[in-house]
């Protein structure tokens, strides 16, 4: 996985300072399965990934579904274990700890940007 951060596009505003990004099919398939819950400031960007599940996980997630231009198409707050979520037209999914969407001020229509560290 690549390490980096998620910013609001066109600004210096860092929304997720400790992000990881999948780089291959195995990483996309595994996602957060078998990993500890994300902490404040952490996130996982899965690309391509129009939908996710929390089967086999024991913690909830906040999700942002992104299109090809990294525009936020939809948000899911606090998706509990044993659930599915997706968005038609999504290209990627940003997984965050519960409450992170509101804390970072991420909203539908925002455009995000990946910066490698």
Protein backbone atom coordinates (compact mmCIF):
# COMPACT_ATOMS: atom_id res chain seq x y z
CA UNK A 1 0.00 0.00 0.00
CA UNK A 2 1.04 3.56 -0.61
CA UNK A 3 1.14 6.06 2.24
CA UNK A 4 -0.07 9.60 1.87
CA UNK A 5 -2.73 12.09 2.86
CA UNK A 6 -6.10 13.26 1.58
CA UNK A 7 -6.57 16.98 0.95
CA UNK A 8 -9.43 19.17 -0.16
CA UNK A 9 -8.55 19.74 -3.83
CA UNK A 10 -7.10 23.13 -4.65
CA UNK A 11 -6.24 23.92 -1.06
CA UNK A 12 -3.70 23.09 1.58
CA UNK A 13 -6.40 21.72 3.88
CA UNK A 14 -5.42 18.21 4.97
CA UNK A 15 -8.49 16.13 5.78
CA UNK A 16 -6.88 12.72 6.43
CA UNK A 17 -3.19 13.07 7.39
CA UNK A 18 -2.42 9.33 7.69
CA UNK A 19 -4.04 7.68 4.68
CA UNK A 20 -3.12 4.51 2.85
CA UNK A 21 -4.09 3.67 -0.73
CA UNK A 22 -4.46 0.23 -2.22
CA UNK A 23 -2.13 -0.63 -5.09
CA UNK A 24 -3.29 -4.08 -6.22
CA UNK A 25 -6.23 -6.49 -6.31
CA UNK A 26 -5.19 -8.34 -3.13
CA UNK A 27 -5.05 -5.11 -1.11
CA UNK A 28 -8.45 -4.06 -2.48
CA UNK A 29 -9.94 -7.46 -1.66
CA UNK A 30 -8.59 -7.49 1.90
CA UNK A 31 -9.25 -3.84 2.72
CA UNK A 32 -9.47 -3.52 6.50
CA UNK A 33 -10.35 -7.17 7.17
CA UNK A 34 -8.18 -8.52 9.97
CA UNK A 35 -6.81 -5.08 10.73
CA UNK A 36 -7.43 -2.95 13.82
CA UNK A 37 -10.00 -0.17 13.70
CA UNK A 38 -8.88 3.08 12.12
CA UNK A 39 -7.96 5.84 14.55
CA UNK A 40 -8.50 9.59 14.25
CA UNK A 41 -6.60 10.97 11.27
CA UNK A 42 -6.35 7.59 9.52
CA UNK A 43 -8.12 6.39 6.39
CA UNK A 44 -7.98 3.78 3.65
CA UNK A 45 -8.57 4.70 0.02
CA UNK A 46 -9.65 1.73 -2.09
CA UNK A 47 -9.51 2.33 -5.85
CA UNK A 48 -11.28 0.98 -7.83
CA UNK A 49 -14.06 0.17 -5.38
CA UNK A 50 -17.71 1.26 -5.86
CA UNK A 51 -18.99 -0.70 -2.84
CA UNK A 52 -17.75 -2.15 0.45
CA UNK A 53 -18.90 -4.45 3.24
CA UNK A 54 -18.18 -4.78 6.94
CA UNK A 55 -18.68 -8.54 7.16
CA UNK A 56 -16.02 -10.02 9.43
CA UNK A 57 -15.30 -6.66 11.03
CA UNK A 58 -16.16 -5.67 14.60
CA UNK A 59 -16.22 -1.90 14.13
CA UNK A 60 -18.17 0.70 12.17
CA UNK A 61 -16.87 2.92 9.35
CA UNK A 62 -17.60 6.28 7.80
CA UNK A 63 -17.46 6.08 3.98
CA UNK A 64 -17.06 8.56 1.15
CA UNK A 65 -17.78 7.31 -2.38
CA UNK A 66 -15.76 9.13 -5.06
CA UNK A 67 -16.12 9.39 -8.84
CA UNK A 68 -13.23 9.38 -11.36
CA UNK A 69 -12.48 13.05 -10.63
CA UNK A 70 -12.46 12.34 -6.86
CA UNK A 71 -15.70 14.25 -6.36
CA UNK A 72 -17.66 12.97 -3.37
CA UNK A 73 -20.82 11.32 -4.74
CA UNK A 74 -22.21 10.07 -1.46
CA UNK A 75 -21.50 9.55 2.22
CA UNK A 76 -22.34 6.84 4.75
CA UNK A 77 -21.86 7.59 8.43
CA UNK A 78 -21.21 4.84 10.95
CA UNK A 79 -21.80 1.77 8.75
CA UNK A 80 -22.04 -1.00 11.37
CA UNK A 81 -20.56 -4.51 11.08
CA UNK A 82 -22.31 -7.02 8.80
CA UNK A 83 -23.54 -4.41 6.32
CA UNK A 84 -22.99 -3.42 2.68
CA UNK A 85 -22.84 0.06 1.14
CA UNK A 86 -22.15 1.35 -2.35
CA UNK A 87 -22.89 4.14 -4.74
CA UNK A 88 -23.79 4.00 -8.42
CA UNK A 89 -21.13 5.80 -10.44
CA UNK A 90 -18.49 5.54 -7.72
CA UNK A 91 -14.93 4.73 -8.71
CA UNK A 92 -13.30 4.67 -5.25
CA UNK A 93 -14.20 4.47 -1.58
CA UNK A 94 -12.53 6.31 1.27
CA UNK A 95 -12.93 4.42 4.56
CA UNK A 96 -12.63 6.41 7.78
CA UNK A 97 -13.27 5.92 11.49
CA UNK A 98 -16.78 6.81 12.69
CA UNK A 99 -17.27 10.55 13.07
CA UNK A 100 -14.38 11.43 10.73
CA UNK A 101 -16.60 12.72 7.91
CA UNK A 102 -18.14 15.34 10.15
CA UNK A 103 -14.86 16.14 11.90
CA UNK A 104 -13.11 16.75 8.54
CA UNK A 105 -16.11 18.55 7.06
CA UNK A 106 -16.31 16.24 4.05
CA UNK A 107 -19.54 16.80 2.13
CA UNK A 108 -21.19 15.56 -1.05
CA UNK A 109 -19.79 17.53 -3.98
CA UNK A 110 -16.36 18.12 -2.42
CA UNK A 111 -13.37 17.23 -4.58
CA UNK A 112 -10.55 15.41 -2.80
CA UNK A 113 -6.90 14.98 -3.68
CA UNK A 114 -4.33 12.28 -2.84
CA UNK A 115 -0.78 13.35 -2.00
CA UNK A 116 1.88 10.72 -1.44
CA UNK A 117 4.24 11.16 1.48
